[in-house]
Protein backbone atom coordinates (compact mmCIF):
# COMPACT_ATOMS: atom_id res chain seq x y z
CA MET A 1 -18.46 1.49 14.62
CA ASN A 2 -19.80 4.32 16.27
CA ASP A 3 -17.69 7.53 17.30
CA ALA A 4 -17.03 6.05 20.82
CA HIS A 5 -14.90 3.16 19.46
CA ARG A 6 -13.67 4.82 15.72
CA ASP A 7 -10.39 4.39 17.00
CA GLU A 8 -10.83 1.02 18.14
CA PRO A 9 -9.46 -1.97 15.99
CA ARG A 10 -12.07 -4.09 14.23
CA ARG A 11 -12.48 -7.58 16.65
CA THR A 12 -12.78 -10.32 14.22
CA VAL A 13 -11.02 -12.88 16.51
CA VAL A 14 -11.68 -14.14 20.13
CA PHE A 15 -8.75 -14.08 22.02
CA ASP A 16 -8.95 -15.70 25.84
CA HIS A 17 -6.74 -12.69 27.25
CA PHE A 18 -7.48 -9.96 24.83
CA GLY A 19 -6.16 -6.37 26.31
CA GLU A 20 -4.65 -8.25 29.25
CA GLU A 21 -1.04 -7.39 30.50
CA GLY A 22 1.36 -9.58 28.93
CA SER A 23 -1.10 -11.02 26.22
CA ARG A 24 1.36 -10.39 23.44
CA ARG A 25 3.21 -13.22 24.90
CA LEU A 26 0.49 -15.60 24.41
CA LEU A 27 0.79 -15.04 20.33
CA THR A 28 1.52 -17.82 18.30
CA THR A 29 4.98 -16.86 16.06
CA PRO A 30 5.30 -15.97 13.85
CA ALA A 31 3.16 -13.37 14.26
CA LEU A 32 2.60 -9.98 12.03
CA VAL A 33 2.52 -7.44 14.76
CA CYS A 34 1.63 -3.49 14.32
CA ASP A 35 2.31 -0.80 17.15
CA HIS A 36 -1.73 0.55 16.81
CA ASP A 37 -0.42 3.99 18.53
CA LEU A 38 2.28 4.34 15.80
CA LEU A 39 0.09 3.54 12.74
CA ILE A 40 -2.49 6.07 14.30
CA GLU A 41 0.34 8.53 14.07
CA ASN A 42 1.48 7.99 10.53
CA VAL A 43 -1.88 7.64 9.22
CA ALA A 44 -2.33 11.28 10.52
CA ARG A 45 1.26 12.43 9.78
CA MET A 46 0.32 11.86 6.05
CA ALA A 47 -3.13 13.21 5.87
CA THR A 48 -2.00 16.37 8.16
CA ILE A 49 1.20 16.66 5.05
CA THR A 50 -0.90 16.37 2.16
CA ALA A 51 -3.73 18.40 3.52
CA LEU A 52 -1.49 21.17 4.22
CA ALA A 53 -0.28 21.16 0.52
CA SER A 54 -3.80 21.09 -0.82
CA VAL A 55 -3.00 17.74 -2.06
CA ALA A 56 -5.56 15.02 -1.99
CA LEU A 57 -4.34 11.62 -0.49
CA ARG A 58 -5.86 8.63 -2.18
CA PRO A 59 -3.84 5.60 0.04
CA HIS A 60 -2.44 2.09 -1.71
CA VAL A 61 -4.59 -0.63 0.51
CA LYS A 62 -1.94 -3.31 -1.40
CA SER A 63 -0.18 -1.88 1.77
CA HIS A 64 -1.87 -3.56 4.35
CA LYS A 65 -4.90 -5.15 2.55
CA SER A 66 -7.15 -4.38 5.81
CA ALA A 67 -10.76 -2.62 5.69
CA TYR A 68 -9.78 -1.66 9.00
CA ILE A 69 -6.90 0.51 7.85
CA ALA A 70 -8.72 1.76 5.11
CA ARG A 71 -11.42 3.09 7.45
CA LEU A 72 -8.49 4.71 9.65
CA GLN A 73 -7.29 6.44 6.34
CA LEU A 74 -10.25 7.57 5.15
CA GLU A 75 -11.44 8.65 8.36
CA ALA A 76 -8.24 10.97 8.73
CA GLY A 77 -9.19 12.88 5.64
CA ALA A 78 -8.35 10.57 2.13
CA THR A 79 -10.23 11.58 -0.56
CA GLY A 80 -10.69 7.81 -1.94
CA LEU A 81 -8.03 4.36 -2.20
CA ALA A 82 -6.06 3.19 -4.38
CA PHE A 83 -6.08 -0.90 -5.10
CA ALA A 84 -3.28 -3.02 -7.52
CA LYS A 85 -5.79 -5.65 -8.39
CA LEU A 86 -9.77 -5.52 -9.30
CA SER A 87 -10.39 -8.13 -6.60
CA GLU A 88 -8.44 -6.42 -3.73
CA ALA A 89 -10.99 -3.93 -4.14
CA GLU A 90 -13.76 -6.34 -4.01
CA ALA A 91 -12.97 -7.76 -0.48
CA VAL A 92 -12.16 -4.13 0.69
CA ILE A 93 -15.35 -2.37 -0.34
CA ALA A 94 -17.33 -5.30 0.63
CA ARG A 95 -15.93 -5.53 3.81
CA LEU A 96 -16.21 -1.53 4.77
CA GLY A 97 -19.66 -2.19 3.53
CA ASP A 98 -20.43 -4.61 5.58
CA ASP A 99 -18.90 -2.88 8.40
CA GLY A 100 -21.49 0.26 8.20
CA PHE A 101 -18.92 2.54 6.60
CA PRO A 102 -21.31 5.25 6.18
CA THR A 103 -20.03 7.01 2.96
CA ARG A 104 -19.70 5.92 -0.69
CA VAL A 105 -16.24 4.99 -1.31
CA SER A 106 -14.28 6.58 -3.99
CA ALA A 107 -11.70 3.69 -5.35
CA LEU A 108 -9.13 3.69 -7.71
CA LEU A 109 -7.63 0.64 -9.88
CA THR A 110 -4.36 1.48 -10.85
CA SER A 111 -3.40 -1.95 -12.88
CA PRO A 112 -4.79 -2.18 -16.45
CA LEU A 113 -7.89 -4.75 -17.13
CA VAL A 114 -7.68 -7.22 -19.28
CA GLY A 115 -10.60 -9.13 -21.17
CA ASP A 116 -14.21 -8.55 -21.14
CA ALA A 117 -14.86 -10.65 -18.06
CA LEU A 118 -12.81 -8.26 -15.72
CA ALA A 119 -14.38 -5.16 -17.37
CA ARG A 120 -17.73 -6.52 -16.32
CA ARG A 121 -16.43 -7.12 -13.31
CA ALA A 122 -15.22 -3.75 -12.90
CA VAL A 123 -18.55 -2.24 -14.38
CA ARG A 124 -20.63 -4.51 -11.13
CA LEU A 125 -17.89 -3.02 -8.93
CA SER A 126 -19.39 0.47 -9.89
CA HIS A 127 -22.32 0.01 -8.53
CA HIS A 128 -20.49 -0.01 -5.03
CA CYS A 129 -18.56 2.59 -5.01
CA ASP A 130 -17.03 5.48 -7.28
CA LEU A 131 -15.08 3.49 -9.56
CA THR A 132 -12.05 4.78 -11.70
CA VAL A 133 -10.21 2.62 -14.08
CA VAL A 134 -6.86 3.01 -15.94
CA VAL A 135 -6.67 1.92 -19.59
CA ASP A 136 -3.43 2.33 -21.60
CA HIS A 137 -4.38 0.13 -24.54
CA LEU A 138 -7.19 1.02 -27.15
CA ASP A 139 -8.56 -2.77 -26.65
CA GLY A 140 -8.84 -2.10 -23.41
CA VAL A 141 -11.05 0.79 -23.82
CA ASP A 142 -12.67 -1.17 -26.27
CA GLU A 143 -13.91 -3.82 -23.43
CA LEU A 144 -14.54 -1.62 -20.59
CA THR A 145 -17.31 0.59 -23.25
CA SER A 146 -18.96 -2.84 -24.21
CA ALA A 147 -19.38 -3.81 -20.66
CA ALA A 148 -20.70 -0.13 -19.74
CA GLN A 149 -22.78 -0.50 -22.11
CA GLU A 150 -24.10 -3.98 -21.55
CA ALA A 151 -24.82 -2.31 -17.65
CA ASN A 152 -26.22 0.90 -19.12
CA ALA A 153 -23.56 2.65 -16.62
CA THR A 154 -20.80 5.51 -17.02
CA LEU A 155 -17.17 4.69 -15.90
CA SER A 156 -14.57 7.20 -15.19
CA VAL A 157 -11.49 6.17 -17.12
CA LEU A 158 -7.51 7.53 -16.43
CA CYS A 159 -4.70 7.55 -19.33
CA ASP A 160 -1.77 5.37 -18.02
CA VAL A 161 1.39 6.73 -18.76
CA ASP A 162 4.90 5.38 -18.45
CA VAL A 163 6.90 7.91 -16.42
CA GLY A 164 9.97 5.50 -16.55
CA LEU A 165 8.86 2.32 -14.68
CA ALA A 166 8.12 0.71 -18.20
CA ARG A 167 5.72 -1.70 -16.41
CA THR A 168 2.64 -0.15 -17.59
CA GLY A 169 1.13 3.04 -19.44
CA VAL A 170 1.14 4.51 -23.09
CA THR A 171 4.99 5.41 -23.79
CA GLY A 172 4.04 9.24 -25.09
CA ALA A 173 1.63 11.88 -25.81
CA SER A 174 0.86 10.48 -29.28
CA GLU A 175 -0.50 7.17 -27.92
CA ALA A 176 -2.29 8.94 -24.97
CA LEU A 177 -3.97 11.02 -27.23
CA ARG A 178 -5.47 8.16 -29.07
CA VAL A 179 -6.54 6.57 -26.32
CA VAL A 180 -8.09 9.54 -24.75
CA GLU A 181 -10.10 9.97 -28.33
CA ARG A 182 -11.11 6.29 -27.97
CA ILE A 183 -12.24 7.05 -24.72
CA LYS A 184 -14.24 9.90 -25.50
CA ALA A 185 -15.95 8.44 -28.22
CA SER A 186 -17.02 5.57 -26.09
CA GLY A 187 -19.97 7.12 -24.95
CA ARG A 188 -19.75 5.27 -21.71
CA LEU A 189 -16.49 6.38 -20.82
CA ARG A 190 -15.88 9.81 -19.04
CA PHE A 191 -12.08 10.66 -19.13
CA ASP A 192 -10.90 12.15 -15.95
CA GLY A 193 -7.35 12.51 -16.26
CA VAL A 194 -4.38 10.64 -16.25
CA GLN A 195 -2.30 8.54 -14.04
CA GLY A 196 1.49 8.62 -13.51
CA TYR A 197 3.23 6.28 -11.37
CA GLY A 198 6.96 6.24 -10.69
CA GLY A 199 7.80 2.69 -8.92
CA HIS A 200 10.98 2.89 -9.72
CA LEU A 201 11.43 6.21 -7.90
CA GLN A 202 10.66 4.97 -4.36
CA HIS A 203 13.76 3.70 -3.23
CA VAL A 204 16.50 5.83 -4.59
CA PRO A 205 18.90 6.34 -2.15
CA GLY A 206 19.99 9.96 -1.79
CA ARG A 207 17.28 12.78 -1.76
CA GLU A 208 18.62 14.97 -4.22
CA GLU A 209 19.17 11.37 -6.32
CA ARG A 210 15.75 10.49 -5.91
CA ARG A 211 14.61 14.27 -6.46
CA HIS A 212 16.63 14.46 -9.65
CA ALA A 213 14.80 10.95 -10.70
CA THR A 214 11.38 12.43 -9.92
CA LYS A 215 11.77 15.43 -11.66
CA ALA A 216 12.48 13.74 -15.14
CA SER A 217 9.60 11.04 -14.75
CA THR A 218 7.23 14.51 -13.56
CA ASP A 219 8.69 16.04 -16.77
CA ARG A 220 7.52 13.01 -18.66
CA LEU A 221 3.90 13.37 -17.46
CA ARG A 222 3.71 17.07 -17.43
CA SER A 223 4.49 17.35 -21.41
CA VAL A 224 2.00 14.33 -21.81
CA VAL A 225 -0.62 16.82 -20.01
CA GLN A 226 0.30 19.89 -21.94
CA VAL A 227 -0.40 17.91 -25.18
CA LEU A 228 -3.85 16.39 -24.01
CA GLU A 229 -5.03 20.04 -22.68
CA SER A 230 -3.74 21.39 -25.88
CA GLU A 231 -5.87 19.38 -27.63
CA GLY A 232 -9.12 19.59 -25.80
CA HIS A 233 -8.63 16.95 -23.17
CA PRO A 234 -9.09 18.74 -20.14
CA VAL A 235 -7.05 16.75 -17.50
CA THR A 236 -9.13 16.74 -14.17
CA LEU A 237 -6.82 14.19 -11.99
CA CYS A 238 -3.61 13.95 -12.13
CA THR A 239 -2.64 11.06 -9.96
CA GLY A 240 0.55 8.92 -9.29
CA GLY A 241 3.36 9.36 -6.52
CA GLY A 242 4.12 7.15 -3.38
CA THR A 243 5.83 7.46 0.07
CA GLY A 244 9.40 7.52 -0.66
CA THR A 245 8.64 10.66 -3.15
CA SER A 246 5.75 11.97 -1.48
CA GLN A 247 7.17 15.87 -0.38
CA ILE A 248 9.00 15.50 -3.82
CA ASP A 249 5.90 15.37 -5.52
CA ILE A 250 4.42 17.51 -3.53
CA GLU A 251 7.38 20.27 -4.11
CA LEU A 252 7.13 19.42 -8.28
CA GLY A 253 3.88 20.35 -8.16
CA LEU A 254 2.02 18.56 -10.75
CA LEU A 255 0.07 15.52 -8.80
CA SER A 256 -3.21 16.75 -7.72
CA GLU A 257 -3.13 13.18 -5.96
CA LEU A 258 -0.68 11.03 -4.56
CA GLN A 259 -1.01 7.16 -3.77
CA CYS A 260 1.46 6.55 -0.96
CA GLY A 261 0.78 3.78 0.68
CA SER A 262 3.82 2.01 2.92
CA TYR A 263 3.92 5.20 4.94
CA VAL A 264 1.71 3.24 7.54
CA PHE A 265 3.97 0.02 8.33
CA MET A 266 7.34 1.26 6.75
CA ASP A 267 10.02 -1.25 6.27
CA ARG A 268 13.77 -1.89 6.02
CA GLU A 269 13.86 -1.07 2.53
CA TYR A 270 12.36 2.58 2.90
CA ARG A 271 15.20 3.01 5.85
CA ASP A 272 18.01 2.16 4.22
CA ALA A 273 17.11 4.51 0.86
CA LEU A 274 15.43 6.91 2.77
CA GLY A 275 17.15 7.40 6.03
CA ASP A 276 16.64 10.86 7.84
CA ASP A 277 15.29 12.46 4.70
CA VAL A 278 11.71 13.81 5.46
CA GLU A 279 10.33 11.41 3.11
CA GLY A 280 11.31 8.44 5.72
CA ARG A 281 9.61 10.33 8.85
CA PHE A 282 7.62 7.75 9.67
CA ALA A 283 7.63 5.50 12.18
CA GLN A 284 8.09 1.60 12.14
CA SER A 285 5.46 0.22 12.99
CA LEU A 286 5.03 -3.13 11.63
CA LEU A 287 6.83 -5.97 12.95
CA ILE A 288 7.18 -9.68 12.85
CA GLU A 289 7.45 -11.28 16.35
CA THR A 290 9.68 -14.40 16.15
CA THR A 291 10.39 -16.97 19.20
CA VAL A 292 14.29 -18.79 19.44
CA ILE A 293 12.91 -22.46 19.53
CA SER A 294 16.59 -23.47 19.72
CA ASP A 295 19.85 -22.04 21.43
CA LEU A 296 21.80 -24.86 21.50
CA ARG A 297 24.53 -23.89 19.03
CA GLU A 298 27.64 -20.78 20.78
CA THR A 299 27.47 -18.08 17.85
CA PHE A 300 23.60 -18.39 16.51
CA VAL A 301 20.17 -19.54 17.53
CA THR A 302 17.35 -20.49 15.67
CA ALA A 303 14.45 -18.39 15.54
CA ASP A 304 10.50 -19.63 14.46
CA ALA A 305 10.58 -17.25 11.45
CA GLY A 306 12.03 -17.99 8.20
CA LEU A 307 11.58 -17.84 4.07
CA LYS A 308 7.53 -17.78 4.58
CA ALA A 309 7.31 -15.56 7.23
CA MET A 310 8.22 -12.21 5.07
CA ALA A 311 8.35 -11.12 1.55
CA THR A 312 12.23 -11.90 0.76
CA ASP A 313 13.18 -9.74 -2.20
CA ALA A 314 14.43 -6.52 -0.19
CA ASP A 315 17.80 -8.31 1.67
CA THR A 316 17.32 -10.19 5.12
CA PRO A 317 15.29 -8.16 8.11
CA LEU A 318 16.34 -6.26 10.89
CA VAL A 319 16.33 -7.60 14.80
CA LEU A 320 15.00 -4.42 16.48
CA GLY A 321 17.01 -3.10 19.16
CA HIS A 322 19.98 -5.74 18.67
CA ASP A 323 22.19 -3.64 16.16
CA GLU A 324 24.98 -6.01 17.24
CA VAL A 325 23.18 -9.09 15.67
CA ASN A 326 22.60 -10.52 11.99
CA TYR A 327 19.30 -12.54 10.86
CA ARG A 328 20.15 -14.98 8.03
CA PHE A 329 17.68 -17.35 6.45
CA PHE A 330 17.81 -20.58 7.69
CA GLY A 331 14.75 -22.17 5.44
CA ASP A 332 11.37 -22.35 4.83
CA GLU A 333 10.40 -22.20 8.56
CA HIS A 334 13.39 -21.19 10.68
CA GLY A 335 15.84 -18.03 10.59
CA LEU A 336 19.12 -17.73 12.11
CA VAL A 337 19.96 -14.82 14.18
CA THR A 338 23.87 -14.51 15.47
CA ARG A 339 24.57 -14.02 18.92
CA GLY A 340 26.06 -10.41 19.75
CA PHE A 341 28.37 -9.17 22.85
CA GLN A 342 25.54 -7.66 24.65
CA ASN A 343 22.80 -10.44 24.68
CA SER A 344 22.19 -14.14 25.50
CA PHE A 345 19.47 -14.96 23.18
CA ARG A 346 17.63 -18.47 25.36
CA ARG A 347 15.19 -20.83 24.25
CA GLY A 348 11.92 -19.52 24.10
CA ASP A 349 12.47 -15.38 23.83
CA ARG A 350 11.11 -13.32 21.58
CA LEU A 351 12.71 -10.97 19.11
CA LEU A 352 10.77 -8.32 16.68
CA LEU A 353 12.09 -8.30 13.18
CA VAL A 354 11.68 -5.18 10.69
CA PRO A 355 10.61 -6.80 7.16
CA PRO A 356 12.22 -6.04 4.29
CA HIS A 357 9.51 -5.23 2.43
CA CYS A 358 5.94 -4.32 4.13
CA ASP A 359 3.24 -4.94 1.18
CA PRO A 360 4.13 -8.72 0.57
CA THR A 361 4.89 -9.41 3.95
CA VAL A 362 1.58 -8.33 4.71
CA ASP A 363 0.18 -10.58 2.12
CA LYS A 364 1.72 -13.79 4.30
CA TYR A 365 -0.14 -13.41 6.74
CA ASP A 366 -4.46 -13.70 7.91
CA LEU A 367 -4.27 -11.37 10.69
CA ILE A 368 -2.34 -8.30 12.00
CA TRP A 369 -2.06 -7.92 15.88
CA LEU A 370 -2.53 -4.45 17.02
CA VAL A 371 -0.29 -4.06 20.27
CA ARG A 372 0.08 -1.07 22.75
CA GLY A 373 3.38 -2.55 24.57
CA ASP A 374 3.03 -6.07 25.98
CA VAL A 375 -0.86 -5.58 25.77
CA VAL A 376 -2.99 -6.92 22.93
CA VAL A 377 -5.71 -4.12 21.62
CA GLY A 378 -7.46 -5.55 18.49
CA VAL A 379 -6.48 -7.84 15.42
CA ALA A 380 -7.37 -6.39 11.68
CA ASP A 381 -8.18 -9.32 9.41
CA VAL A 382 -6.44 -8.97 5.92
CA VAL A 383 -9.43 -9.48 4.08
CA ALA A 384 -7.89 -8.60 0.77
CA ARG A 385 -4.97 -11.18 1.39
CA GLY A 386 -4.03 -13.07 -1.71
CA CYS A 387 -6.47 -11.23 -3.87
CA SER A 388 -4.06 -10.62 -6.62
CA GLN A 389 -6.35 -11.36 -9.65
C-alpha cells in the first residue's frame, strides 16, 4: 500500500458495483458495516489523546481482528498491538507482512500461555515481530524458558497482576516477586514490567463510580510495582487499561501504556455505561445491516439478523434512528422489530442495528464492509476470525 492510498481499505473481495452510488443496497444481509470516515476519526482521536498525555497506545486487536484496521492504528502512532490469543497474533502479524507493512511490529500477548507447545509457538512468532508475553505462574516461566533455550532465543516477559478482575494474574506483591525472580534467573527471559488489566472496570456506569473503582485497582498494581522496584527489579513497562477507563487511567498516572480496543467501533454496552462521559466520546462506527423479510403482522416486522448475527451477552441491539421501536431476538436467524408510531416498515426495508458488544460480534463475520453513506468504499477481511487458540 503506497502513501497515496494509505487511507484506502484493503480490497480483498471482488464486488461488481464497488464504489458506485447505492452499492450498499447490494450487500447481502445481515452484513457487518463500518463507517470508514468515523473509523478514521476514532483512530485519530485516541491517538491524539494518548500522544498529548505522553502515554503509549497499544490497541487491542481482539476488538476488530483486522490487519487493515491494525495498520491504521500503527500508522496513526500506536506503539504496537495487543492480542488476546496467540493464533490471533499469528494471523494478523502474517497478514501485515504479506501486505508489505514496512516496520517490525511490537506485539503483546495479554493472556498467559500454558504448555510447551504454545511456548514454542510463541518463540517462533517472536522471529517475526517484537513479542512480549505475560506470565502469572512459575510453571509458565519454566515453559517459556525451555522453549527459548531450544531456539537459542530471548523473550520479553511481563508479570501479569490481578487488579480485581480475578481472571488471571498474581494476587499480590509476594507472588509477583517470585515470578519475577524466576524470570531473571532463567537466562533466556527478559523482565520488562507488569500488566494489570481491569476488564471489570470498563462498563461501570457513572464516571465517579468508575473512577473510584479504577483508582482501587490502580492502587493494587502500584503496590506491586513499588515492591518489585524496592527489591531491585525496575518496571520499565506498566500496561493495561481500556476504552472505558482511558482518560481515568491517564489521570491516575501509573500506566505507561493503554490497551484500548473498542474505541474504533463502540457498541450499545459502552453507550449505556459511558453516556456523555469523556471516555465515551467516540463515534458509533460499527453497525449490523439487516433486511425486513416479513411485514405481515400489525405490531412488528421480522428482520434477517438473529442470534447468529451478533453477540448476545450484553442485552439486545438498538435500531439506529428509531428510538420508538425495539428489537427482540426471534430465533437463530431472525429478529423482531416492533412497529413505532413514526414508521411503517415494509418488506425489503433496510435497518441498522447497534451491536450490543462489538468484539464477539466481529468474530461472527468474515468481512467488515467499509462504507461512506450509501457507497461501499472497501472491505476489510476479519483475518483473525475464530482465532481463539
